[in-house]
């Protein structure tokens, strides 16, 4: 046996720790041959290595045959592998309350059922005993491995496009083009915007002066709320914005149109037809009703188009 200093032993042990599997056994066997007369027992005493691993390494060096490690068979198996019936019962309970990923970006299915509820259902509906089942956390891990992720069920989104969409927009385009070609027809676009709070708010504004203007740090004490309503003369590019203090009701929209018409009556003396393009704001769903009752039809015919 060759003498090894403490520094040499530490270096050899550190090198062995950095190797794995057959490479580590080959290194340990070679060290045992070079410094310990090929004795696995001395290798265990000096370096703290497993005597069986050193013996296997020596056999591999002598025969030239390398043993393959079956690392996957080590450790405890998954619960659903040990109890296949448990997996089937969990699937049968989770599947009815699950839905596919709405964006189809993952294979996971989302379920509203919790691990606690699944465990209780296994006892009540599948006949399992409490002591036969794993804990609630393990049930949750099994659900995750089976592809069932706990997430709130997403509400169905409204359809943005229907079969009639192309026909609707084709009709709007046709009416707009017909209006633009007539000298006695005017096309306007109306839209409502979010209400504006009135008060001493900063709104990240700046003012030039010797002293800074004082403002509230939160928009919580609004003195009033104004509802803006815009009317655009599409061919002429003339924009009129009217502010009201009520909600965006049909009456409010009709009053804004009446006020706009009274303000521009002289400008549009030759107009005999008014085409209104509607945007999607609060009361757009009832425009077909108020278009005929707003008072404009007593002076000009009204054609409503959703654009």
C-alpha atoms as a PDB file:
ATOM      1  CA  UNK A   1       0.000   0.000   0.000  1.00  0.00           C
ATOM      2  CA  UNK A   2       1.424   3.365  -1.022  1.00  0.00           C
ATOM      3  CA  UNK A   3       1.297   6.076   1.589  1.00  0.00           C
ATOM      4  CA  UNK A   4      -1.299   8.787   0.996  1.00  0.00           C
ATOM      5  CA  UNK A   5      -1.220  12.146   2.690  1.00  0.00           C
ATOM      6  CA  UNK A   6      -4.389  13.764   3.988  1.00  0.00           C
ATOM      7  CA  UNK A   7      -4.269  16.265   1.125  1.00  0.00           C
ATOM      8  CA  UNK A   8      -4.115  13.461  -1.442  1.00  0.00           C
ATOM      9  CA  UNK A   9      -7.017  11.603   0.198  1.00  0.00           C
ATOM     10  CA  UNK A  10      -9.154  14.747   0.190  1.00  0.00           C
ATOM     11  CA  UNK A  11      -8.411  15.368  -3.492  1.00  0.00           C
ATOM     12  CA  UNK A  12      -9.264  11.780  -4.465  1.00  0.00           C
ATOM     13  CA  UNK A  13     -12.536  11.858  -2.491  1.00  0.00           C
ATOM     14  CA  UNK A  14     -13.530  15.189  -4.060  1.00  0.00           C
ATOM     15  CA  UNK A  15     -12.844  13.831  -7.546  1.00  0.00           C
ATOM     16  CA  UNK A  16     -14.947  10.732  -6.887  1.00  0.00           C
ATOM     17  CA  UNK A  17     -17.888  12.874  -5.708  1.00  0.00           C
ATOM     18  CA  UNK A  18     -17.898  14.718  -9.033  1.00  0.00           C
ATOM     19  CA  UNK A  19     -18.263  11.470 -11.001  1.00  0.00           C
ATOM     20  CA  UNK A  20     -21.357   9.305 -11.339  1.00  0.00           C
ATOM     21  CA  UNK A  21     -22.298   5.756 -12.269  1.00  0.00           C
ATOM     22  CA  UNK A  22     -19.779   3.598 -14.128  1.00  0.00           C
ATOM     23  CA  UNK A  23     -17.214   6.427 -14.348  1.00  0.00           C
ATOM     24  CA  UNK A  24     -17.125   6.741 -10.565  1.00  0.00           C
ATOM     25  CA  UNK A  25     -16.762   2.962 -10.098  1.00  0.00           C
ATOM     26  CA  UNK A  26     -13.936   2.830 -12.652  1.00  0.00           C
ATOM     27  CA  UNK A  27     -12.112   5.668 -10.850  1.00  0.00           C
ATOM     28  CA  UNK A  28     -12.577   4.054  -7.429  1.00  0.00           C
ATOM     29  CA  UNK A  29     -11.353   0.685  -8.741  1.00  0.00           C
ATOM     30  CA  UNK A  30      -8.249   2.231 -10.305  1.00  0.00           C
ATOM     31  CA  UNK A  31      -7.422   4.104  -7.088  1.00  0.00           C
ATOM     32  CA  UNK A  32      -7.813   0.860  -5.127  1.00  0.00           C
ATOM     33  CA  UNK A  33      -5.414  -0.911  -7.511  1.00  0.00           C
ATOM     34  CA  UNK A  34      -2.828   1.892  -7.482  1.00  0.00           C
ATOM     35  CA  UNK A  35      -2.760   2.720  -3.779  1.00  0.00           C
ATOM     36  CA  UNK A  36      -4.561  -0.031  -1.810  1.00  0.00           C
ATOM     37  CA  UNK A  37      -3.422  -3.300  -3.471  1.00  0.00           C
ATOM     38  CA  UNK A  38      -6.872  -3.676  -5.024  1.00  0.00           C
ATOM     39  CA  UNK A  39      -8.605  -4.121  -1.642  1.00  0.00           C
ATOM     40  CA  UNK A  40     -12.237  -2.919  -1.529  1.00  0.00           C
ATOM     41  CA  UNK A  41     -12.199  -3.134   2.294  1.00  0.00           C
ATOM     42  CA  UNK A  42      -9.236  -0.744   2.548  1.00  0.00           C
ATOM     43  CA  UNK A  43     -10.935   1.609   0.084  1.00  0.00           C
ATOM     44  CA  UNK A  44     -13.952   1.668   2.392  1.00  0.00           C
ATOM     45  CA  UNK A  45     -11.748   2.394   5.413  1.00  0.00           C
ATOM     46  CA  UNK A  46      -9.560   5.088   3.832  1.00  0.00           C
ATOM     47  CA  UNK A  47     -11.996   6.909   1.526  1.00  0.00           C
ATOM     48  CA  UNK A  48     -15.384   5.951   2.974  1.00  0.00           C
ATOM     49  CA  UNK A  49     -16.541   4.408  -0.309  1.00  0.00           C
ATOM     50  CA  UNK A  50     -19.027   1.561  -0.558  1.00  0.00           C
ATOM     51  CA  UNK A  51     -17.162  -1.729  -0.584  1.00  0.00           C
ATOM     52  CA  UNK A  52     -19.694  -3.250  -2.992  1.00  0.00           C
ATOM     53  CA  UNK A  53     -19.269  -0.379  -5.460  1.00  0.00           C
ATOM     54  CA  UNK A  54     -15.502  -0.807  -5.432  1.00  0.00           C
ATOM     55  CA  UNK A  55     -15.856  -4.577  -5.933  1.00  0.00           C
ATOM     56  CA  UNK A  56     -18.167  -3.982  -8.888  1.00  0.00           C
ATOM     57  CA  UNK A  57     -15.724  -1.484 -10.356  1.00  0.00           C
ATOM     58  CA  UNK A  58     -12.869  -3.991 -10.076  1.00  0.00           C
ATOM     59  CA  UNK A  59     -14.940  -6.657 -11.824  1.00  0.00           C
ATOM     60  CA  UNK A  60     -15.789  -4.179 -14.623  1.00  0.00           C
ATOM     61  CA  UNK A  61     -12.089  -3.345 -15.091  1.00  0.00           C
ATOM     62  CA  UNK A  62     -11.121  -7.008 -15.142  1.00  0.00           C
ATOM     63  CA  UNK A  63     -13.858  -8.218 -17.528  1.00  0.00           C
ATOM     64  CA  UNK A  64     -14.328  -5.080 -19.642  1.00  0.00           C
ATOM     65  CA  UNK A  65     -18.091  -5.363 -19.164  1.00  0.00           C
ATOM     66  CA  UNK A  66     -19.861  -2.250 -17.801  1.00  0.00           C
ATOM     67  CA  UNK A  67     -23.032  -2.728 -15.779  1.00  0.00           C
ATOM     68  CA  UNK A  68     -25.910  -0.394 -16.711  1.00  0.00           C
ATOM     69  CA  UNK A  69     -27.556   1.489 -13.881  1.00  0.00           C
ATOM     70  CA  UNK A  70     -31.349   1.275 -13.506  1.00  0.00           C
ATOM     71  CA  UNK A  71     -31.778   4.578 -11.722  1.00  0.00           C
ATOM     72  CA  UNK A  72     -35.421   4.920 -12.705  1.00  0.00           C
ATOM     73  CA  UNK A  73     -36.308   1.883 -10.608  1.00  0.00           C
ATOM     74  CA  UNK A  74     -34.907   3.462  -7.464  1.00  0.00           C
ATOM     75  CA  UNK A  75     -36.981   5.312  -4.903  1.00  0.00           C
ATOM     76  CA  UNK A  76     -40.653   5.158  -4.098  1.00  0.00           C
ATOM     77  CA  UNK A  77     -43.069   4.747  -6.996  1.00  0.00           C
ATOM     78  CA  UNK A  78     -45.905   7.178  -7.629  1.00  0.00           C
ATOM     79  CA  UNK A  79     -49.147   6.455  -5.812  1.00  0.00           C
ATOM     80  CA  UNK A  80     -51.163   6.042  -9.012  1.00  0.00           C
ATOM     81  CA  UNK A  81     -48.613   3.474 -10.221  1.00  0.00           C
ATOM     82  CA  UNK A  82     -48.928   1.452  -7.051  1.00  0.00           C
ATOM     83  CA  UNK A  83     -52.739   1.735  -7.025  1.00  0.00           C
ATOM     84  CA  UNK A  84     -53.984   1.855 -10.660  1.00  0.00           C
ATOM     85  CA  UNK A  85     -57.642   1.764  -9.563  1.00  0.00           C
ATOM     86  CA  UNK A  86     -57.145   5.052  -7.716  1.00  0.00           C
ATOM     87  CA  UNK A  87     -56.125   6.781 -10.952  1.00  0.00           C
ATOM     88  CA  UNK A  88     -59.222   5.505 -12.767  1.00  0.00           C
ATOM     89  CA  UNK A  89     -61.544   6.691  -9.985  1.00  0.00           C
ATOM     90  CA  UNK A  90     -59.920  10.142  -9.839  1.00  0.00           C
ATOM     91  CA  UNK A  91     -60.279  10.535 -13.614  1.00  0.00           C
ATOM     92  CA  UNK A  92     -63.949   9.567 -13.508  1.00  0.00           C
ATOM     93  CA  UNK A  93     -64.603  12.178 -10.807  1.00  0.00           C
ATOM     94  CA  UNK A  94     -62.529  15.033 -12.285  1.00  0.00           C
ATOM     95  CA  UNK A  95     -63.446  14.680 -15.967  1.00  0.00           C
ATOM     96  CA  UNK A  96     -67.091  15.917 -15.776  1.00  0.00           C
ATOM     97  CA  UNK A  97     -66.012  19.174 -14.069  1.00  0.00           C
ATOM     98  CA  UNK A  98     -63.077  19.916 -16.399  1.00  0.00           C
ATOM     99  CA  UNK A  99     -62.632  21.954 -19.557  1.00  0.00           C
ATOM    100  CA  UNK A 100     -59.903  22.241 -22.163  1.00  0.00           C
ATOM    101  CA  UNK A 101     -57.481  25.181 -22.173  1.00  0.00           C
ATOM    102  CA  UNK A 102     -59.479  27.911 -24.007  1.00  0.00           C
ATOM    103  CA  UNK A 103     -56.376  29.010 -25.916  1.00  0.00           C
ATOM    104  CA  UNK A 104     -55.210  25.425 -26.652  1.00  0.00           C
ATOM    105  CA  UNK A 105     -51.699  26.424 -25.559  1.00  0.00           C
ATOM    106  CA  UNK A 106     -51.220  23.498 -23.174  1.00  0.00           C
ATOM    107  CA  UNK A 107     -52.474  19.915 -22.793  1.00  0.00           C
ATOM    108  CA  UNK A 108     -53.783  20.662 -19.303  1.00  0.00           C
ATOM    109  CA  UNK A 109     -57.476  20.698 -18.519  1.00  0.00           C
ATOM    110  CA  UNK A 110     -58.846  23.119 -15.947  1.00  0.00           C
ATOM    111  CA  UNK A 111     -61.145  21.924 -13.206  1.00  0.00           C
ATOM    112  CA  UNK A 112     -63.137  23.608 -10.454  1.00  0.00           C
ATOM    113  CA  UNK A 113     -62.938  20.513  -8.216  1.00  0.00           C
ATOM    114  CA  UNK A 114     -60.428  20.748  -5.370  1.00  0.00           C
ATOM    115  CA  UNK A 115     -58.267  17.919  -4.054  1.00  0.00           C
ATOM    116  CA  UNK A 116     -60.256  17.954  -0.820  1.00  0.00           C
ATOM    117  CA  UNK A 117     -63.520  17.449  -2.735  1.00  0.00           C
ATOM    118  CA  UNK A 118     -62.002  14.644  -4.832  1.00  0.00           C
ATOM    119  CA  UNK A 119     -60.806  12.823  -1.726  1.00  0.00           C
ATOM    120  CA  UNK A 120     -64.216  13.109  -0.096  1.00  0.00           C
ATOM    121  CA  UNK A 121     -65.931  11.917  -3.296  1.00  0.00           C
ATOM    122  CA  UNK A 122     -63.637   8.873  -3.422  1.00  0.00           C
ATOM    123  CA  UNK A 123     -64.916   7.894   0.016  1.00  0.00           C
ATOM    124  CA  UNK A 124     -68.596   8.663  -0.604  1.00  0.00           C
ATOM    125  CA  UNK A 125     -69.002   7.598  -4.246  1.00  0.00           C
ATOM    126  CA  UNK A 126     -66.229   5.089  -4.938  1.00  0.00           C
ATOM    127  CA  UNK A 127     -66.240   3.155  -1.677  1.00  0.00           C
ATOM    128  CA  UNK A 128     -62.693   3.951  -0.545  1.00  0.00           C
ATOM    129  CA  UNK A 129     -61.851   4.033   3.154  1.00  0.00           C
ATOM    130  CA  UNK A 130     -60.150   7.036   4.694  1.00  0.00           C
ATOM    131  CA  UNK A 131     -57.075   5.028   5.766  1.00  0.00           C
ATOM    132  CA  UNK A 132     -56.677   3.593   2.244  1.00  0.00           C
ATOM    133  CA  UNK A 133     -56.327   6.997   0.576  1.00  0.00           C
ATOM    134  CA  UNK A 134     -53.268   9.270   0.509  1.00  0.00           C
ATOM    135  CA  UNK A 135     -53.423  12.730   2.034  1.00  0.00           C
ATOM    136  CA  UNK A 136     -55.088  15.722   0.389  1.00  0.00           C
ATOM    137  CA  UNK A 137     -51.781  17.127  -0.885  1.00  0.00           C
ATOM    138  CA  UNK A 138     -50.925  13.848  -2.609  1.00  0.00           C
ATOM    139  CA  UNK A 139     -54.361  13.817  -4.262  1.00  0.00           C
ATOM    140  CA  UNK A 140     -53.609  17.320  -5.576  1.00  0.00           C
ATOM    141  CA  UNK A 141     -50.258  16.155  -6.960  1.00  0.00           C
ATOM    142  CA  UNK A 142     -51.956  13.225  -8.685  1.00  0.00           C
ATOM    143  CA  UNK A 143     -54.493  15.600 -10.288  1.00  0.00           C
ATOM    144  CA  UNK A 144     -51.648  17.754 -11.587  1.00  0.00           C
ATOM    145  CA  UNK A 145     -49.799  14.755 -13.002  1.00  0.00           C
ATOM    146  CA  UNK A 146     -52.981  13.570 -14.726  1.00  0.00           C
ATOM    147  CA  UNK A 147     -53.330  16.973 -16.406  1.00  0.00           C
ATOM    148  CA  UNK A 148     -56.073  18.528 -14.253  1.00  0.00           C
ATOM    149  CA  UNK A 149     -55.079  22.005 -13.088  1.00  0.00           C
ATOM    150  CA  UNK A 150     -57.145  23.951 -10.575  1.00  0.00           C
ATOM    151  CA  UNK A 151     -58.355  27.186 -12.153  1.00  0.00           C
ATOM    152  CA  UNK A 152     -61.527  29.203 -12.261  1.00  0.00           C
ATOM    153  CA  UNK A 153     -63.673  28.306 -15.223  1.00  0.00           C
ATOM    154  CA  UNK A 154     -63.419  31.027 -17.835  1.00  0.00           C
ATOM    155  CA  UNK A 155     -66.676  32.619 -18.857  1.00  0.00           C
ATOM    156  CA  UNK A 156     -67.681  32.192 -22.445  1.00  0.00           C
ATOM    157  CA  UNK A 157     -66.574  35.130 -24.541  1.00  0.00           C
ATOM    158  CA  UNK A 158     -69.073  36.761 -26.883  1.00  0.00           C
ATOM    159  CA  UNK A 159     -68.686  35.927 -30.536  1.00  0.00           C
ATOM    160  CA  UNK A 160     -67.003  38.813 -32.315  1.00  0.00           C
ATOM    161  CA  UNK A 161     -67.888  37.615 -35.759  1.00  0.00           C
ATOM    162  CA  UNK A 162     -71.050  35.927 -37.003  1.00  0.00           C
ATOM    163  CA  UNK A 163     -72.148  34.714 -40.400  1.00  0.00           C
ATOM    164  CA  UNK A 164     -73.997  37.980 -41.058  1.00  0.00           C
ATOM    165  CA  UNK A 165     -70.961  40.171 -40.243  1.00  0.00           C
ATOM    166  CA  UNK A 166     -69.777  40.534 -43.850  1.00  0.00           C
ATOM    167  CA  UNK A 167     -73.296  41.305 -45.053  1.00  0.00           C
ATOM    168  CA  UNK A 168     -73.746  43.948 -42.342  1.00  0.00           C
ATOM    169  CA  UNK A 169     -70.538  45.767 -43.189  1.00  0.00           C
ATOM    170  CA  UNK A 170     -71.249  45.497 -46.892  1.00  0.00           C
ATOM    171  CA  UNK A 171     -74.587  47.202 -46.296  1.00  0.00           C
ATOM    172  CA  UNK A 172     -72.912  49.950 -44.228  1.00  0.00           C
ATOM    173  CA  UNK A 173     -70.324  50.520 -46.954  1.00  0.00           C
ATOM    174  CA  UNK A 174     -73.039  50.695 -49.607  1.00  0.00           C
ATOM    175  CA  UNK A 175     -75.100  53.240 -47.642  1.00  0.00           C
ATOM    176  CA  UNK A 176     -72.029  55.369 -46.881  1.00  0.00           C
ATOM    177  CA  UNK A 177     -70.949  55.463 -50.520  1.00  0.00           C
ATOM    178  CA  UNK A 178     -74.474  56.339 -51.659  1.00  0.00           C
ATOM    179  CA  UNK A 179     -74.627  59.156 -49.105  1.00  0.00           C
ATOM    180  CA  UNK A 180     -71.243  60.581 -50.125  1.00  0.00           C
ATOM    181  CA  UNK A 181     -72.363  60.742 -53.783  1.00  0.00           C
ATOM    182  CA  UNK A 182     -75.492  62.771 -53.012  1.00  0.00           C
ATOM    183  CA  UNK A 183     -75.240  66.509 -52.483  1.00  0.00           C
ATOM    184  CA  UNK A 184     -78.346  66.599 -50.280  1.00  0.00           C
ATOM    185  CA  UNK A 185     -77.112  63.805 -47.952  1.00  0.00           C
ATOM    186  CA  UNK A 186     -74.857  64.191 -44.894  1.00  0.00           C
ATOM    187  CA  UNK A 187     -72.993  61.372 -43.124  1.00  0.00           C
ATOM    188  CA  UNK A 188     -72.143  61.806 -39.458  1.00  0.00           C
ATOM    189  CA  UNK A 189     -70.496  59.527 -36.911  1.00  0.00           C
ATOM    190  CA  UNK A 190     -71.508  59.586 -33.249  1.00  0.00           C
ATOM    191  CA  UNK A 191     -69.735  58.096 -30.251  1.00  0.00           C
ATOM    192  CA  UNK A 192     -69.804  58.346 -26.478  1.00  0.00           C
ATOM    193  CA  UNK A 193     -66.737  58.229 -24.231  1.00  0.00           C
ATOM    194  CA  UNK A 194     -66.009  57.453 -20.602  1.00  0.00           C
ATOM    195  CA  UNK A 195     -67.221  59.958 -18.052  1.00  0.00           C
ATOM    196  CA  UNK A 196     -64.821  62.643 -16.848  1.00  0.00           C
ATOM    197  CA  UNK A 197     -64.518  63.484 -13.129  1.00  0.00           C
ATOM    198  CA  UNK A 198     -64.476  67.188 -12.295  1.00  0.00           C
ATOM    199  CA  UNK A 199     -62.457  68.311  -9.290  1.00  0.00           C
ATOM    200  CA  UNK A 200     -59.082  69.525  -8.073  1.00  0.00           C
ATOM    201  CA  UNK A 201     -57.160  66.635  -9.579  1.00  0.00           C
ATOM    202  CA  UNK A 202     -53.546  66.709 -10.706  1.00  0.00           C
ATOM    203  CA  UNK A 203     -53.832  64.279 -13.656  1.00  0.00           C
ATOM    204  CA  UNK A 204     -50.007  64.616 -13.931  1.00  0.00           C
ATOM    205  CA  UNK A 205     -50.434  68.112 -15.285  1.00  0.00           C
ATOM    206  CA  UNK A 206     -47.920  70.978 -15.032  1.00  0.00           C
ATOM    207  CA  UNK A 207     -48.384  74.707 -14.600  1.00  0.00           C
ATOM    208  CA  UNK A 208     -45.875  77.545 -14.729  1.00  0.00           C
ATOM    209  CA  UNK A 209     -45.772  79.673 -11.584  1.00  0.00           C
ATOM    210  CA  UNK A 210     -43.879  80.591  -8.453  1.00  0.00           C
ATOM    211  CA  UNK A 211     -45.851  78.132  -6.350  1.00  0.00           C
ATOM    212  CA  UNK A 212     -47.169  74.710  -7.263  1.00  0.00           C
ATOM    213  CA  UNK A 213     -50.905  74.364  -7.733  1.00  0.00           C
ATOM    214  CA  UNK A 214     -52.510  72.279  -5.001  1.00  0.00           C
ATOM    215  CA  UNK A 215     -54.476  69.224  -6.080  1.00  0.00           C
ATOM    216  CA  UNK A 216     -56.066  66.156  -4.507  1.00  0.00           C
ATOM    217  CA  UNK A 217     -53.899  63.061  -4.396  1.00  0.00           C
ATOM    218  CA  UNK A 218     -56.849  60.773  -5.242  1.00  0.00           C
ATOM    219  CA  UNK A 219     -59.787  61.123  -7.645  1.00  0.00           C
ATOM    220  CA  UNK A 220     -62.301  60.132  -4.971  1.00  0.00           C
ATOM    221  CA  UNK A 221     -64.149  63.389  -4.303  1.00  0.00           C
ATOM    222  CA  UNK A 222     -65.406  64.326  -7.740  1.00  0.00           C
ATOM    223  CA  UNK A 223     -67.652  67.378  -7.731  1.00  0.00           C
ATOM    224  CA  UNK A 224     -69.388  66.313 -10.917  1.00  0.00           C
ATOM    225  CA  UNK A 225     -69.161  63.789 -13.698  1.00  0.00           C
ATOM    226  CA  UNK A 226     -69.433  64.841 -17.322  1.00  0.00           C
ATOM    227  CA  UNK A 227     -70.423  62.450 -20.104  1.00  0.00           C
ATOM    228  CA  UNK A 228     -68.802  63.483 -23.428  1.00  0.00           C
ATOM    229  CA  UNK A 229     -70.673  62.804 -26.655  1.00  0.00           C
ATOM    230  CA  UNK A 230     -69.039  63.422 -30.031  1.00  0.00           C
ATOM    231  CA  UNK A 231     -70.665  64.119 -33.392  1.00  0.00           C
ATOM    232  CA  UNK A 232     -68.383  64.154 -36.436  1.00  0.00           C
ATOM    233  CA  UNK A 233     -69.256  65.559 -39.843  1.00  0.00           C
ATOM    234  CA  UNK A 234     -67.412  62.854 -41.789  1.00  0.00           C
ATOM    235  CA  UNK A 235     -67.091  64.593 -45.217  1.00  0.00           C
ATOM    236  CA  UNK A 236     -66.250  67.979 -43.699  1.00  0.00           C
ATOM    237  CA  UNK A 237     -64.170  66.762 -40.752  1.00  0.00           C
ATOM    238  CA  UNK A 238     -66.036  69.065 -38.329  1.00  0.00           C
ATOM    239  CA  UNK A 239     -66.149  67.653 -34.789  1.00  0.00           C
ATOM    240  CA  UNK A 240     -68.636  68.735 -32.144  1.00  0.00           C
ATOM    241  CA  UNK A 241     -68.299  67.533 -28.544  1.00  0.00           C
ATOM    242  CA  UNK A 242     -71.248  67.962 -26.182  1.00  0.00           C
ATOM    243  CA  UNK A 243     -70.960  67.314 -22.438  1.00  0.00           C
ATOM    244  CA  UNK A 244     -73.842  66.189 -20.293  1.00  0.00           C
ATOM    245  CA  UNK A 245     -74.309  65.350 -16.636  1.00  0.00           C
ATOM    246  CA  UNK A 246     -76.684  62.407 -17.089  1.00  0.00           C
ATOM    247  CA  UNK A 247     -76.081  58.827 -18.062  1.00  0.00           C
ATOM    248  CA  UNK A 248     -75.704  57.813 -21.706  1.00  0.00           C
ATOM    249  CA  UNK A 249     -79.370  57.090 -22.146  1.00  0.00           C
ATOM    250  CA  UNK A 250     -81.299  57.210 -25.390  1.00  0.00           C
ATOM    251  CA  UNK A 251     -82.854  60.512 -24.311  1.00  0.00           C
ATOM    252  CA  UNK A 252     -79.403  61.992 -23.685  1.00  0.00           C
ATOM    253  CA  UNK A 253     -78.175  60.936 -27.144  1.00  0.00           C
ATOM    254  CA  UNK A 254     -81.346  62.221 -28.815  1.00  0.00           C
ATOM    255  CA  UNK A 255     -81.011  65.584 -27.001  1.00  0.00           C
ATOM    256  CA  UNK A 256     -77.387  65.876 -28.155  1.00  0.00           C
ATOM    257  CA  UNK A 257     -78.395  65.244 -31.760  1.00  0.00           C
ATOM    258  CA  UNK A 258     -81.220  67.780 -31.482  1.00  0.00           C
ATOM    259  CA  UNK A 259     -78.866  70.396 -30.024  1.00  0.00           C
ATOM    260  CA  UNK A 260     -76.265  69.715 -32.704  1.00  0.00           C
ATOM    261  CA  UNK A 261     -78.884  70.088 -35.450  1.00  0.00           C
ATOM    262  CA  UNK A 262     -80.197  73.356 -34.003  1.00  0.00           C
ATOM    263  CA  UNK A 263     -76.626  74.716 -33.856  1.00  0.00           C
ATOM    264  CA  UNK A 264     -75.871  73.756 -37.487  1.00  0.00           C
ATOM    265  CA  UNK A 265     -79.277  74.254 -39.111  1.00  0.00           C
ATOM    266  CA  UNK A 266     -78.020  77.129 -41.256  1.00  0.00           C
ATOM    267  CA  UNK A 267     -74.945  75.217 -42.404  1.00  0.00           C
ATOM    268  CA  UNK A 268     -76.991  72.252 -43.631  1.00  0.00           C
ATOM    269  CA  UNK A 269     -79.996  73.941 -45.236  1.00  0.00           C
ATOM    270  CA  UNK A 270     -79.649  71.803 -48.362  1.00  0.00           C
ATOM    271  CA  UNK A 271     -79.535  68.473 -46.486  1.00  0.00           C
ATOM    272  CA  UNK A 272     -82.517  66.174 -47.034  1.00  0.00           C
ATOM    273  CA  UNK A 273     -80.963  62.910 -45.796  1.00  0.00           C
ATOM    274  CA  UNK A 274     -78.885  62.133 -42.732  1.00  0.00           C
ATOM    275  CA  UNK A 275     -76.833  58.932 -42.479  1.00  0.00           C
ATOM    276  CA  UNK A 276     -75.645  58.130 -38.948  1.00  0.00           C
ATOM    277  CA  UNK A 277     -72.725  55.803 -38.283  1.00  0.00           C
ATOM    278  CA  UNK A 278     -72.965  54.407 -34.766  1.00  0.00           C
ATOM    279  CA  UNK A 279     -70.093  53.215 -32.631  1.00  0.00           C
ATOM    280  CA  UNK A 280     -70.418  50.657 -29.839  1.00  0.00           C
ATOM    281  CA  UNK A 281     -71.178  52.718 -26.753  1.00  0.00           C
ATOM    282  CA  UNK A 282     -73.622  52.403 -23.867  1.00  0.00           C
ATOM    283  CA  UNK A 283     -77.034  52.730 -25.520  1.00  0.00           C
ATOM    284  CA  UNK A 284     -76.170  51.720 -29.065  1.00  0.00           C
ATOM    285  CA  UNK A 285     -78.431  48.703 -28.719  1.00  0.00           C
ATOM    286  CA  UNK A 286     -81.514  50.965 -28.624  1.00  0.00           C
ATOM    287  CA  UNK A 287     -80.604  53.327 -31.439  1.00  0.00           C
ATOM    288  CA  UNK A 288     -83.182  51.865 -33.798  1.00  0.00           C
ATOM    289  CA  UNK A 289     -85.850  53.170 -31.420  1.00  0.00           C
ATOM    290  CA  UNK A 290     -84.617  56.667 -30.692  1.00  0.00           C
ATOM    291  CA  UNK A 291     -83.526  57.520 -34.252  1.00  0.00           C
ATOM    292  CA  UNK A 292     -87.150  57.995 -35.245  1.00  0.00           C
ATOM    293  CA  UNK A 293     -88.181  59.763 -32.026  1.00  0.00           C
ATOM    294  CA  UNK A 294     -85.385  62.304 -31.678  1.00  0.00           C
ATOM    295  CA  UNK A 295     -87.218  65.002 -33.650  1.00  0.00           C
ATOM    296  CA  UNK A 296     -84.908  65.034 -36.654  1.00  0.00           C
ATOM    297  CA  UNK A 297     -87.333  63.088 -38.788  1.00  0.00           C
ATOM    298  CA  UNK A 298     -89.643  66.102 -38.815  1.00  0.00           C
ATOM    299  CA  UNK A 299     -87.018  67.948 -40.855  1.00  0.00           C
ATOM    300  CA  UNK A 300     -84.859  65.326 -42.572  1.00  0.00           C
ATOM    301  CA  UNK A 301     -85.175  61.599 -43.220  1.00  0.00           C
ATOM    302  CA  UNK A 302     -82.842  59.486 -41.062  1.00  0.00           C
ATOM    303  CA  UNK A 303     -80.973  56.330 -42.142  1.00  0.00           C
ATOM    304  CA  UNK A 304     -79.177  54.496 -39.332  1.00  0.00           C
ATOM    305  CA  UNK A 305     -76.122  52.372 -40.068  1.00  0.00           C
ATOM    306  CA  UNK A 306     -73.898  50.553 -37.569  1.00  0.00           C
ATOM    307  CA  UNK A 307     -70.252  51.220 -38.366  1.00  0.00           C
END
